[in-house]
Amino acid sequence: MTLRCELFVKEMLPSIRRELSKILYDNYKMSQEEIADKLLITQSAVSQYLKGIRGKSYFEFDQEDKIILIKMAELLKNDKNIKLLDLQSMLCQLCEKRYKYVRCYIKV
């Protein structure tokens, strides 16, 4: 049995990190080091996301997804203490939409 969170971590989280890295770098002019700190990954991982080496998508984000990602990026940029893990409810929104056919055992 595959859990929804397993699918999320394998398929979706890399794509989310890629999109957030692009938004934070291009729109908010954050450095790769700042982005790495917010996403709880290394600077070299951010570099690879920005170059398209990592996070190749299993799917495309639709407009609704992009609105959520932009809100996440705004929160990450504007709050010094917030990290990606603090945005679990927004991550779950994206996951639930994508993997609605797989039962979730986590309640947020």
PDB file of N, CA and C in Angstrom:
ATOM      1  N   MET A   1       0.839  -1.175   0.000  1.00  0.00           N
ATOM      2  CA  MET A   1       0.000   0.000   0.000  1.00  0.00           C
ATOM      3  C   MET A   1       0.889   1.246   0.000  1.00  0.00           C
ATOM      4  N   THR A   2       0.574   2.176  -0.857  1.00  0.00           N
ATOM      5  CA  THR A   2       1.310   3.429  -0.929  1.00  0.00           C
ATOM      6  C   THR A   2       0.502   4.519  -0.243  1.00  0.00           C
ATOM      7  N   LEU A   3       1.142   5.217   0.676  1.00  0.00           N
ATOM      8  CA  LEU A   3       0.481   6.315   1.370  1.00  0.00           C
ATOM      9  C   LEU A   3       0.525   7.578   0.520  1.00  0.00           C
ATOM     10  N   ARG A   4      -0.464   8.424   0.714  1.00  0.00           N
ATOM     11  CA  ARG A   4      -0.525   9.681  -0.030  1.00  0.00           C
ATOM     12  C   ARG A   4       0.750  10.494   0.181  1.00  0.00           C
ATOM     13  N   CYS A   5       1.246  10.520   1.411  1.00  0.00           N
ATOM     14  CA  CYS A   5       2.447  11.305   1.699  1.00  0.00           C
ATOM     15  C   CYS A   5       3.669  10.772   0.955  1.00  0.00           C
ATOM     16  N   GLU A   6       3.715   9.464   0.729  1.00  0.00           N
ATOM     17  CA  GLU A   6       4.819   8.900  -0.048  1.00  0.00           C
ATOM     18  C   GLU A   6       4.781   9.421  -1.483  1.00  0.00           C
ATOM     19  N   LEU A   7       3.600   9.429  -2.062  1.00  0.00           N
ATOM     20  CA  LEU A   7       3.454   9.961  -3.420  1.00  0.00           C
ATOM     21  C   LEU A   7       3.815  11.438  -3.458  1.00  0.00           C
ATOM     22  N   PHE A   8       3.350  12.174  -2.450  1.00  0.00           N
ATOM     23  CA  PHE A   8       3.606  13.603  -2.384  1.00  0.00           C
ATOM     24  C   PHE A   8       5.106  13.885  -2.345  1.00  0.00           C
ATOM     25  N   VAL A   9       5.818  13.194  -1.466  1.00  0.00           N
ATOM     26  CA  VAL A   9       7.257  13.445  -1.307  1.00  0.00           C
ATOM     27  C   VAL A   9       8.020  13.047  -2.571  1.00  0.00           C
ATOM     28  N   LYS A  10       7.642  11.961  -3.184  1.00  0.00           N
ATOM     29  CA  LYS A  10       8.361  11.484  -4.372  1.00  0.00           C
ATOM     30  C   LYS A  10       8.039  12.314  -5.616  1.00  0.00           C
ATOM     31  N   GLU A  11       6.762  12.618  -5.824  1.00  0.00           N
ATOM     32  CA  GLU A  11       6.345  13.211  -7.084  1.00  0.00           C
ATOM     33  C   GLU A  11       6.108  14.719  -7.022  1.00  0.00           C
ATOM     34  N   MET A  12       5.527  15.194  -5.930  1.00  0.00           N
ATOM     35  CA  MET A  12       5.055  16.574  -5.921  1.00  0.00           C
ATOM     36  C   MET A  12       5.991  17.546  -5.212  1.00  0.00           C
ATOM     37  N   LEU A  13       6.571  17.154  -4.091  1.00  0.00           N
ATOM     38  CA  LEU A  13       7.416  18.066  -3.325  1.00  0.00           C
ATOM     39  C   LEU A  13       8.581  18.631  -4.141  1.00  0.00           C
ATOM     40  N   PRO A  14       9.274  17.826  -4.946  1.00  0.00           N
ATOM     41  CA  PRO A  14      10.342  18.413  -5.768  1.00  0.00           C
ATOM     42  C   PRO A  14       9.829  19.496  -6.730  1.00  0.00           C
ATOM     43  N   SER A  15       8.644  19.280  -7.286  1.00  0.00           N
ATOM     44  CA  SER A  15       8.069  20.273  -8.192  1.00  0.00           C
ATOM     45  C   SER A  15       7.670  21.544  -7.443  1.00  0.00           C
ATOM     46  N   ILE A  16       7.163  21.388  -6.234  1.00  0.00           N
ATOM     47  CA  ILE A  16       6.815  22.548  -5.402  1.00  0.00           C
ATOM     48  C   ILE A  16       8.075  23.327  -5.054  1.00  0.00           C
ATOM     49  N   ARG A  17       9.123  22.626  -4.667  1.00  0.00           N
ATOM     50  CA  ARG A  17      10.389  23.307  -4.352  1.00  0.00           C
ATOM     51  C   ARG A  17      10.927  24.045  -5.569  1.00  0.00           C
ATOM     52  N   ARG A  18      10.813  23.421  -6.747  1.00  0.00           N
ATOM     53  CA  ARG A  18      11.265  24.066  -7.977  1.00  0.00           C
ATOM     54  C   ARG A  18      10.496  25.360  -8.228  1.00  0.00           C
ATOM     55  N   GLU A  19       9.179  25.287  -8.141  1.00  0.00           N
ATOM     56  CA  GLU A  19       8.351  26.469  -8.401  1.00  0.00           C
ATOM     57  C   GLU A  19       8.594  27.561  -7.370  1.00  0.00           C
ATOM     58  N   LEU A  20       8.675  27.182  -6.093  1.00  0.00           N
ATOM     59  CA  LEU A  20       8.929  28.184  -5.055  1.00  0.00           C
ATOM     60  C   LEU A  20      10.310  28.813  -5.228  1.00  0.00           C
ATOM     61  N   SER A  21      11.296  28.015  -5.591  1.00  0.00           N
ATOM     62  CA  SER A  21      12.639  28.552  -5.825  1.00  0.00           C
ATOM     63  C   SER A  21      12.606  29.597  -6.931  1.00  0.00           C
ATOM     64  N   LYS A  22      11.911  29.287  -8.020  1.00  0.00           N
ATOM     65  CA  LYS A  22      11.814  30.225  -9.145  1.00  0.00           C
ATOM     66  C   LYS A  22      11.107  31.517  -8.731  1.00  0.00           C
ATOM     67  N   ILE A  23       9.991  31.386  -8.022  1.00  0.00           N
ATOM     68  CA  ILE A  23       9.234  32.571  -7.603  1.00  0.00           C
ATOM     69  C   ILE A  23      10.067  33.436  -6.660  1.00  0.00           C
ATOM     70  N   LEU A  24      10.680  32.808  -5.666  1.00  0.00           N
ATOM     71  CA  LEU A  24      11.462  33.566  -4.679  1.00  0.00           C
ATOM     72  C   LEU A  24      12.694  34.208  -5.310  1.00  0.00           C
ATOM     73  N   TYR A  25      13.299  33.545  -6.269  1.00  0.00           N
ATOM     74  CA  TYR A  25      14.501  34.062  -6.928  1.00  0.00           C
ATOM     75  C   TYR A  25      14.153  35.149  -7.947  1.00  0.00           C
ATOM     76  N   ASP A  26      13.185  34.873  -8.806  1.00  0.00           N
ATOM     77  CA  ASP A  26      12.841  35.800  -9.890  1.00  0.00           C
ATOM     78  C   ASP A  26      12.002  36.990  -9.419  1.00  0.00           C
ATOM     79  N   ASN A  27      10.988  36.719  -8.636  1.00  0.00           N
ATOM     80  CA  ASN A  27      10.049  37.774  -8.247  1.00  0.00           C
ATOM     81  C   ASN A  27      10.476  38.547  -7.010  1.00  0.00           C
ATOM     82  N   TYR A  28      11.105  37.848  -6.064  1.00  0.00           N
ATOM     83  CA  TYR A  28      11.447  38.486  -4.792  1.00  0.00           C
ATOM     84  C   TYR A  28      12.946  38.726  -4.615  1.00  0.00           C
ATOM     85  N   LYS A  29      13.722  38.350  -5.625  1.00  0.00           N
ATOM     86  CA  LYS A  29      15.173  38.611  -5.648  1.00  0.00           C
ATOM     87  C   LYS A  29      15.901  38.079  -4.417  1.00  0.00           C
ATOM     88  N   MET A  30      15.422  36.951  -3.905  1.00  0.00           N
ATOM     89  CA  MET A  30      16.106  36.324  -2.778  1.00  0.00           C
ATOM     90  C   MET A  30      17.331  35.575  -3.295  1.00  0.00           C
ATOM     91  N   SER A  31      18.353  35.491  -2.463  1.00  0.00           N
ATOM     92  CA  SER A  31      19.549  34.742  -2.847  1.00  0.00           C
ATOM     93  C   SER A  31      19.273  33.237  -2.732  1.00  0.00           C
ATOM     94  N   GLN A  32      20.111  32.455  -3.368  1.00  0.00           N
ATOM     95  CA  GLN A  32      19.966  31.000  -3.278  1.00  0.00           C
ATOM     96  C   GLN A  32      20.120  30.524  -1.841  1.00  0.00           C
ATOM     97  N   GLU A  33      20.985  31.165  -1.087  1.00  0.00           N
ATOM     98  CA  GLU A  33      21.184  30.795   0.315  1.00  0.00           C
ATOM     99  C   GLU A  33      19.929  31.079   1.139  1.00  0.00           C
ATOM    100  N   GLU A  34      19.294  32.227   0.900  1.00  0.00           N
ATOM    101  CA  GLU A  34      18.059  32.568   1.616  1.00  0.00           C
ATOM    102  C   GLU A  34      16.935  31.582   1.275  1.00  0.00           C
ATOM    103  N   ILE A  35      16.842  31.234   0.009  1.00  0.00           N
ATOM    104  CA  ILE A  35      15.824  30.283  -0.433  1.00  0.00           C
ATOM    105  C   ILE A  35      16.070  28.921   0.210  1.00  0.00           C
ATOM    106  N   ALA A  36      17.314  28.488   0.214  1.00  0.00           N
ATOM    107  CA  ALA A  36      17.664  27.205   0.819  1.00  0.00           C
ATOM    108  C   ALA A  36      17.260  27.165   2.290  1.00  0.00           C
ATOM    109  N   ASP A  37      17.495  28.256   2.994  1.00  0.00           N
ATOM    110  CA  ASP A  37      17.127  28.329   4.402  1.00  0.00           C
ATOM    111  C   ASP A  37      15.616  28.197   4.581  1.00  0.00           C
ATOM    112  N   LYS A  38      14.852  28.867   3.746  1.00  0.00           N
ATOM    113  CA  LYS A  38      13.393  28.827   3.843  1.00  0.00           C
ATOM    114  C   LYS A  38      12.816  27.461   3.472  1.00  0.00           C
ATOM    115  N   LEU A  39      13.394  26.812   2.467  1.00  0.00           N
ATOM    116  CA  LEU A  39      12.875  25.535   1.985  1.00  0.00           C
ATOM    117  C   LEU A  39      13.506  24.341   2.691  1.00  0.00           C
ATOM    118  N   LEU A  40      14.460  24.608   3.587  1.00  0.00           N
ATOM    119  CA  LEU A  40      15.141  23.564   4.358  1.00  0.00           C
ATOM    120  C   LEU A  40      15.871  22.577   3.453  1.00  0.00           C
ATOM    121  N   ILE A  41      16.572  23.143   2.462  1.00  0.00           N
ATOM    122  CA  ILE A  41      17.382  22.365   1.535  1.00  0.00           C
ATOM    123  C   ILE A  41      18.732  23.066   1.379  1.00  0.00           C
ATOM    124  N   THR A  42      19.630  22.494   0.610  1.00  0.00           N
ATOM    125  CA  THR A  42      20.947  23.109   0.422  1.00  0.00           C
ATOM    126  C   THR A  42      20.910  24.154  -0.694  1.00  0.00           C
ATOM    127  N   GLN A  43      21.904  25.018  -0.703  1.00  0.00           N
ATOM    128  CA  GLN A  43      22.027  26.028  -1.761  1.00  0.00           C
ATOM    129  C   GLN A  43      22.226  25.350  -3.106  1.00  0.00           C
ATOM    130  N   SER A  44      22.987  24.251  -3.132  1.00  0.00           N
ATOM    131  CA  SER A  44      23.207  23.562  -4.411  1.00  0.00           C
ATOM    132  C   SER A  44      21.906  22.943  -4.933  1.00  0.00           C
ATOM    133  N   ALA A  45      21.024  22.504  -4.037  1.00  0.00           N
ATOM    134  CA  ALA A  45      19.720  21.993  -4.475  1.00  0.00           C
ATOM    135  C   ALA A  45      18.901  23.118  -5.108  1.00  0.00           C
ATOM    136  N   VAL A  46      18.938  24.306  -4.499  1.00  0.00           N
ATOM    137  CA  VAL A  46      18.241  25.458  -5.071  1.00  0.00           C
ATOM    138  C   VAL A  46      18.780  25.750  -6.461  1.00  0.00           C
ATOM    139  N   SER A  47      20.086  25.737  -6.604  1.00  0.00           N
ATOM    140  CA  SER A  47      20.706  25.978  -7.905  1.00  0.00           C
ATOM    141  C   SER A  47      20.204  24.977  -8.942  1.00  0.00           C
ATOM    142  N   GLN A  48      20.120  23.718  -8.551  1.00  0.00           N
ATOM    143  CA  GLN A  48      19.646  22.683  -9.473  1.00  0.00           C
ATOM    144  C   GLN A  48      18.169  22.863  -9.805  1.00  0.00           C
ATOM    145  N   TYR A  49      17.363  23.289  -8.839  1.00  0.00           N
ATOM    146  CA  TYR A  49      15.947  23.578  -9.121  1.00  0.00           C
ATOM    147  C   TYR A  49      15.837  24.726 -10.119  1.00  0.00           C
ATOM    148  N   LEU A  50      16.629  25.761  -9.924  1.00  0.00           N
ATOM    149  CA  LEU A  50      16.570  26.927 -10.813  1.00  0.00           C
ATOM    150  C   LEU A  50      17.035  26.598 -12.232  1.00  0.00           C
ATOM    151  N   LYS A  51      17.970  25.667 -12.356  1.00  0.00           N
ATOM    152  CA  LYS A  51      18.484  25.254 -13.669  1.00  0.00           C
ATOM    153  C   LYS A  51      17.605  24.187 -14.329  1.00  0.00           C
ATOM    154  N   GLY A  52      16.624  23.679 -13.584  1.00  0.00           N
ATOM    155  CA  GLY A  52      15.751  22.643 -14.133  1.00  0.00           C
ATOM    156  C   GLY A  52      16.332  21.249 -14.067  1.00  0.00           C
ATOM    157  N   ILE A  53      17.417  21.069 -13.324  1.00  0.00           N
ATOM    158  CA  ILE A  53      18.034  19.751 -13.173  1.00  0.00           C
ATOM    159  C   ILE A  53      17.201  18.897 -12.217  1.00  0.00           C
ATOM    160  N   ARG A  54      16.697  19.520 -11.167  1.00  0.00           N
ATOM    161  CA  ARG A  54      15.834  18.846 -10.190  1.00  0.00           C
ATOM    162  C   ARG A  54      14.408  19.342 -10.342  1.00  0.00           C
ATOM    163  N   GLY A  55      13.482  18.518  -9.879  1.00  0.00           N
ATOM    164  CA  GLY A  55      12.092  18.954  -9.812  1.00  0.00           C
ATOM    165  C   GLY A  55      11.354  18.901 -11.134  1.00  0.00           C
ATOM    166  N   LYS A  56      11.822  18.066 -12.035  1.00  0.00           N
ATOM    167  CA  LYS A  56      11.079  17.911 -13.285  1.00  0.00           C
ATOM    168  C   LYS A  56       9.703  17.364 -12.932  1.00  0.00           C
ATOM    169  N   SER A  57       8.716  18.001 -13.449  1.00  0.00           N
ATOM    170  CA  SER A  57       7.355  17.749 -13.012  1.00  0.00           C
ATOM    171  C   SER A  57       6.751  16.486 -13.601  1.00  0.00           C
ATOM    172  N   TYR A  58       5.996  15.768 -12.746  1.00  0.00           N
ATOM    173  CA  TYR A  58       5.169  14.666 -13.209  1.00  0.00           C
ATOM    174  C   TYR A  58       3.867  15.228 -13.778  1.00  0.00           C
ATOM    175  N   PHE A  59       3.619  16.497 -13.503  1.00  0.00           N
ATOM    176  CA  PHE A  59       2.384  17.151 -13.906  1.00  0.00           C
ATOM    177  C   PHE A  59       2.632  18.648 -13.983  1.00  0.00           C
ATOM    178  N   GLU A  60       1.696  19.348 -14.550  1.00  0.00           N
ATOM    179  CA  GLU A  60       1.782  20.809 -14.614  1.00  0.00           C
ATOM    180  C   GLU A  60       0.894  21.407 -13.537  1.00  0.00           C
ATOM    181  N   PHE A  61       1.344  22.490 -12.938  1.00  0.00           N
ATOM    182  CA  PHE A  61       0.515  23.200 -11.967  1.00  0.00           C
ATOM    183  C   PHE A  61      -0.506  24.039 -12.735  1.00  0.00           C
ATOM    184  N   ASP A  62      -1.754  23.956 -12.315  1.00  0.00           N
ATOM    185  CA  ASP A  62      -2.778  24.778 -12.955  1.00  0.00           C
ATOM    186  C   ASP A  62      -2.833  26.144 -12.263  1.00  0.00           C
ATOM    187  N   GLN A  63      -3.736  26.997 -12.712  1.00  0.00           N
ATOM    188  CA  GLN A  63      -3.813  28.369 -12.196  1.00  0.00           C
ATOM    189  C   GLN A  63      -4.114  28.391 -10.697  1.00  0.00           C
ATOM    190  N   GLU A  64      -5.003  27.510 -10.255  1.00  0.00           N
ATOM    191  CA  GLU A  64      -5.349  27.423  -8.828  1.00  0.00           C
ATOM    192  C   GLU A  64      -4.114  27.045  -7.994  1.00  0.00           C
ATOM    193  N   ASP A  65      -3.338  26.086  -8.503  1.00  0.00           N
ATOM    194  CA  ASP A  65      -2.102  25.684  -7.823  1.00  0.00           C
ATOM    195  C   ASP A  65      -1.121  26.853  -7.751  1.00  0.00           C
ATOM    196  N   LYS A  66      -1.000  27.577  -8.851  1.00  0.00           N
ATOM    197  CA  LYS A  66      -0.044  28.691  -8.903  1.00  0.00           C
ATOM    198  C   LYS A  66      -0.416  29.788  -7.915  1.00  0.00           C
ATOM    199  N   ILE A  67      -1.696  30.009  -7.702  1.00  0.00           N
ATOM    200  CA  ILE A  67      -2.124  30.995  -6.703  1.00  0.00           C
ATOM    201  C   ILE A  67      -1.672  30.563  -5.311  1.00  0.00           C
ATOM    202  N   ILE A  68      -1.829  29.285  -5.008  1.00  0.00           N
ATOM    203  CA  ILE A  68      -1.385  28.761  -3.710  1.00  0.00           C
ATOM    204  C   ILE A  68       0.136  28.902  -3.584  1.00  0.00           C
ATOM    205  N   LEU A  69       0.861  28.571  -4.644  1.00  0.00           N
ATOM    206  CA  LEU A  69       2.327  28.668  -4.614  1.00  0.00           C
ATOM    207  C   LEU A  69       2.785  30.123  -4.426  1.00  0.00           C
ATOM    208  N   ILE A  70       2.119  31.061  -5.057  1.00  0.00           N
ATOM    209  CA  ILE A  70       2.477  32.468  -4.899  1.00  0.00           C
ATOM    210  C   ILE A  70       2.202  32.931  -3.468  1.00  0.00           C
ATOM    211  N   LYS A  71       1.077  32.495  -2.894  1.00  0.00           N
ATOM    212  CA  LYS A  71       0.779  32.830  -1.493  1.00  0.00           C
ATOM    213  C   LYS A  71       1.840  32.248  -0.567  1.00  0.00           C
ATOM    214  N   MET A  72       2.254  31.021  -0.856  1.00  0.00           N
ATOM    215  CA  MET A  72       3.306  30.396  -0.049  1.00  0.00           C
ATOM    216  C   MET A  72       4.601  31.198  -0.150  1.00  0.00           C
ATOM    217  N   ALA A  73       4.963  31.592  -1.362  1.00  0.00           N
ATOM    218  CA  ALA A  73       6.190  32.369  -1.563  1.00  0.00           C
ATOM    219  C   ALA A  73       6.123  33.705  -0.835  1.00  0.00           C
ATOM    220  N   GLU A  74       4.970  34.356  -0.875  1.00  0.00           N
ATOM    221  CA  GLU A  74       4.806  35.629  -0.167  1.00  0.00           C
ATOM    222  C   GLU A  74       5.008  35.450   1.334  1.00  0.00           C
ATOM    223  N   LEU A  75       4.430  34.402   1.892  1.00  0.00           N
ATOM    224  CA  LEU A  75       4.595  34.128   3.324  1.00  0.00           C
ATOM    225  C   LEU A  75       6.053  33.836   3.658  1.00  0.00           C
ATOM    226  N   LEU A  76       6.707  33.042   2.823  1.00  0.00           N
ATOM    227  CA  LEU A  76       8.112  32.718   3.054  1.00  0.00           C
ATOM    228  C   LEU A  76       8.982  33.963   2.980  1.00  0.00           C
ATOM    229  N   LYS A  77       8.682  34.842   2.054  1.00  0.00           N
ATOM    230  CA  LYS A  77       9.471  36.070   1.884  1.00  0.00           C
ATOM    231  C   LYS A  77       9.243  37.056   3.022  1.00  0.00           C
ATOM    232  N   ASN A  78       7.997  37.224   3.432  1.00  0.00           N
ATOM    233  CA  ASN A  78       7.647  38.301   4.361  1.00  0.00           C
ATOM    234  C   ASN A  78       7.818  37.973   5.838  1.00  0.00           C
ATOM    235  N   ASP A  79       7.900  36.712   6.185  1.00  0.00           N
ATOM    236  CA  ASP A  79       8.042  36.339   7.594  1.00  0.00           C
ATOM    237  C   ASP A  79       9.422  35.728   7.811  1.00  0.00           C
ATOM    238  N   LYS A  80      10.231  36.409   8.610  1.00  0.00           N
ATOM    239  CA  LYS A  80      11.614  35.959   8.840  1.00  0.00           C
ATOM    240  C   LYS A  80      11.701  34.549   9.399  1.00  0.00           C
ATOM    241  N   ASN A  81      10.755  34.181  10.244  1.00  0.00           N
ATOM    242  CA  ASN A  81      10.861  32.922  10.976  1.00  0.00           C
ATOM    243  C   ASN A  81      10.146  31.746  10.325  1.00  0.00           C
ATOM    244  N   ILE A  82       9.403  31.993   9.281  1.00  0.00           N
ATOM    245  CA  ILE A  82       8.615  30.913   8.677  1.00  0.00           C
ATOM    246  C   ILE A  82       9.484  30.074   7.734  1.00  0.00           C
ATOM    247  N   LYS A  83       9.224  28.776   7.755  1.00  0.00           N
ATOM    248  CA  LYS A  83       9.896  27.818   6.875  1.00  0.00           C
ATOM    249  C   LYS A  83       8.824  27.048   6.112  1.00  0.00           C
ATOM    250  N   LEU A  84       9.228  26.300   5.113  1.00  0.00           N
ATOM    251  CA  LEU A  84       8.280  25.563   4.283  1.00  0.00           C
ATOM    252  C   LEU A  84       7.398  24.639   5.120  1.00  0.00           C
ATOM    253  N   LEU A  85       7.962  23.983   6.119  1.00  0.00           N
ATOM    254  CA  LEU A  85       7.178  23.069   6.954  1.00  0.00           C
ATOM    255  C   LEU A  85       6.048  23.773   7.699  1.00  0.00           C
ATOM    256  N   ASP A  86       6.189  25.075   7.942  1.00  0.00           N
ATOM    257  CA  ASP A  86       5.147  25.833   8.622  1.00  0.00           C
ATOM    258  C   ASP A  86       3.920  26.037   7.741  1.00  0.00           C
ATOM    259  N   LEU A  87       4.033  25.739   6.487  1.00  0.00           N
ATOM    260  CA  LEU A  87       2.947  25.935   5.533  1.00  0.00           C
ATOM    261  C   LEU A  87       2.260  24.615   5.193  1.00  0.00           C
ATOM    262  N   GLN A  88       2.222  23.711   6.163  1.00  0.00           N
ATOM    263  CA  GLN A  88       1.709  22.366   5.926  1.00  0.00           C
ATOM    264  C   GLN A  88       0.281  22.360   5.388  1.00  0.00           C
ATOM    265  N   SER A  89      -0.564  23.233   5.873  1.00  0.00           N
ATOM    266  CA  SER A  89      -1.952  23.213   5.390  1.00  0.00           C
ATOM    267  C   SER A  89      -2.020  23.539   3.893  1.00  0.00           C
ATOM    268  N   MET A  90      -1.153  24.432   3.430  1.00  0.00           N
ATOM    269  CA  MET A  90      -1.135  24.761   2.003  1.00  0.00           C
ATOM    270  C   MET A  90      -0.542  23.606   1.187  1.00  0.00           C
ATOM    271  N   LEU A  91       0.469  22.962   1.734  1.00  0.00           N
ATOM    272  CA  LEU A  91       1.030  21.784   1.072  1.00  0.00           C
ATOM    273  C   LEU A  91      -0.033  20.694   0.964  1.00  0.00           C
ATOM    274  N   CYS A  92      -0.806  20.524   2.042  1.00  0.00           N
ATOM    275  CA  CYS A  92      -1.864  19.507   2.044  1.00  0.00           C
ATOM    276  C   CYS A  92      -2.958  19.835   1.019  1.00  0.00           C
ATOM    277  N   GLN A  93      -3.243  21.118   0.824  1.00  0.00           N
ATOM    278  CA  GLN A  93      -4.222  21.518  -0.189  1.00  0.00           C
ATOM    279  C   GLN A  93      -3.787  21.039  -1.572  1.00  0.00           C
ATOM    280  N   LEU A  94      -2.523  21.283  -1.882  1.00  0.00           N
ATOM    281  CA  LEU A  94      -2.000  20.859  -3.182  1.00  0.00           C
ATOM    282  C   LEU A  94      -2.026  19.333  -3.304  1.00  0.00           C
ATOM    283  N   CYS A  95      -1.638  18.663  -2.235  1.00  0.00           N
ATOM    284  CA  CYS A  95      -1.589  17.198  -2.229  1.00  0.00           C
ATOM    285  C   CYS A  95      -2.992  16.611  -2.371  1.00  0.00           C
ATOM    286  N   GLU A  96      -3.927  17.121  -1.596  1.00  0.00           N
ATOM    287  CA  GLU A  96      -5.286  16.584  -1.604  1.00  0.00           C
ATOM    288  C   GLU A  96      -5.922  16.687  -2.993  1.00  0.00           C
ATOM    289  N   LYS A  97      -5.682  17.792  -3.637  1.00  0.00           N
ATOM    290  CA  LYS A  97      -6.230  17.999  -4.978  1.00  0.00           C
ATOM    291  C   LYS A  97      -5.652  16.977  -5.965  1.00  0.00           C
ATOM    292  N   ARG A  98      -4.363  16.728  -5.853  1.00  0.00           N
ATOM    293  CA  ARG A  98      -3.667  15.868  -6.800  1.00  0.00           C
ATOM    294  C   ARG A  98      -3.904  14.379  -6.515  1.00  0.00           C
ATOM    295  N   TYR A  99      -3.973  14.021  -5.234  1.00  0.00           N
ATOM    296  CA  TYR A  99      -4.043  12.607  -4.847  1.00  0.00           C
ATOM    297  C   TYR A  99      -5.334  12.270  -4.119  1.00  0.00           C
ATOM    298  N   LYS A 100      -6.431  12.805  -4.575  1.00  0.00           N
ATOM    299  CA  LYS A 100      -7.711  12.600  -3.898  1.00  0.00           C
ATOM    300  C   LYS A 100      -8.145  11.134  -3.904  1.00  0.00           C
ATOM    301  N   TYR A 101      -7.623  10.355  -4.807  1.00  0.00           N
ATOM    302  CA  TYR A 101      -7.982   8.939  -4.893  1.00  0.00           C
ATOM    303  C   TYR A 101      -7.229   8.073  -3.871  1.00  0.00           C
ATOM    304  N   VAL A 102      -6.251   8.648  -3.172  1.00  0.00           N
ATOM    305  CA  VAL A 102      -5.472   7.908  -2.178  1.00  0.00           C
ATOM    306  C   VAL A 102      -5.852   8.432  -0.796  1.00  0.00           C
ATOM    307  N   ARG A 103      -6.182   7.541   0.113  1.00  0.00           N
ATOM    308  CA  ARG A 103      -6.598   7.948   1.450  1.00  0.00           C
ATOM    309  C   ARG A 103      -5.466   8.623   2.212  1.00  0.00           C
ATOM    310  N   CYS A 104      -5.809   9.702   2.919  1.00  0.00           N
ATOM    311  CA  CYS A 104      -4.827  10.422   3.735  1.00  0.00           C
ATOM    312  C   CYS A 104      -5.038  10.079   5.206  1.00  0.00           C
ATOM    313  N   TYR A 105      -3.940   9.841   5.898  1.00  0.00           N
ATOM    314  CA  TYR A 105      -4.016   9.488   7.316  1.00  0.00           C
ATOM    315  C   TYR A 105      -3.560  10.641   8.215  1.00  0.00           C
ATOM    316  N   ILE A 106      -3.299  11.779   7.628  1.00  0.00           N
ATOM    317  CA  ILE A 106      -2.842  12.943   8.391  1.00  0.00           C
ATOM    318  C   ILE A 106      -3.951  13.972   8.418  1.00  0.00           C
ATOM    319  N   LYS A 107      -4.252  14.458   9.597  1.00  0.00           N
ATOM    320  CA  LYS A 107      -5.265  15.502   9.749  1.00  0.00           C
ATOM    321  C   LYS A 107      -4.573  16.790  10.153  1.00  0.00           C
ATOM    322  N   VAL A 108      -4.769  17.822   9.350  1.00  0.00           N
ATOM    323  CA  VAL A 108      -4.145  19.120   9.623  1.00  0.00           C
ATOM    324  C   VAL A 108      -5.169  20.055  10.199  1.00  0.00           C
TER     325      VAL A 108
END
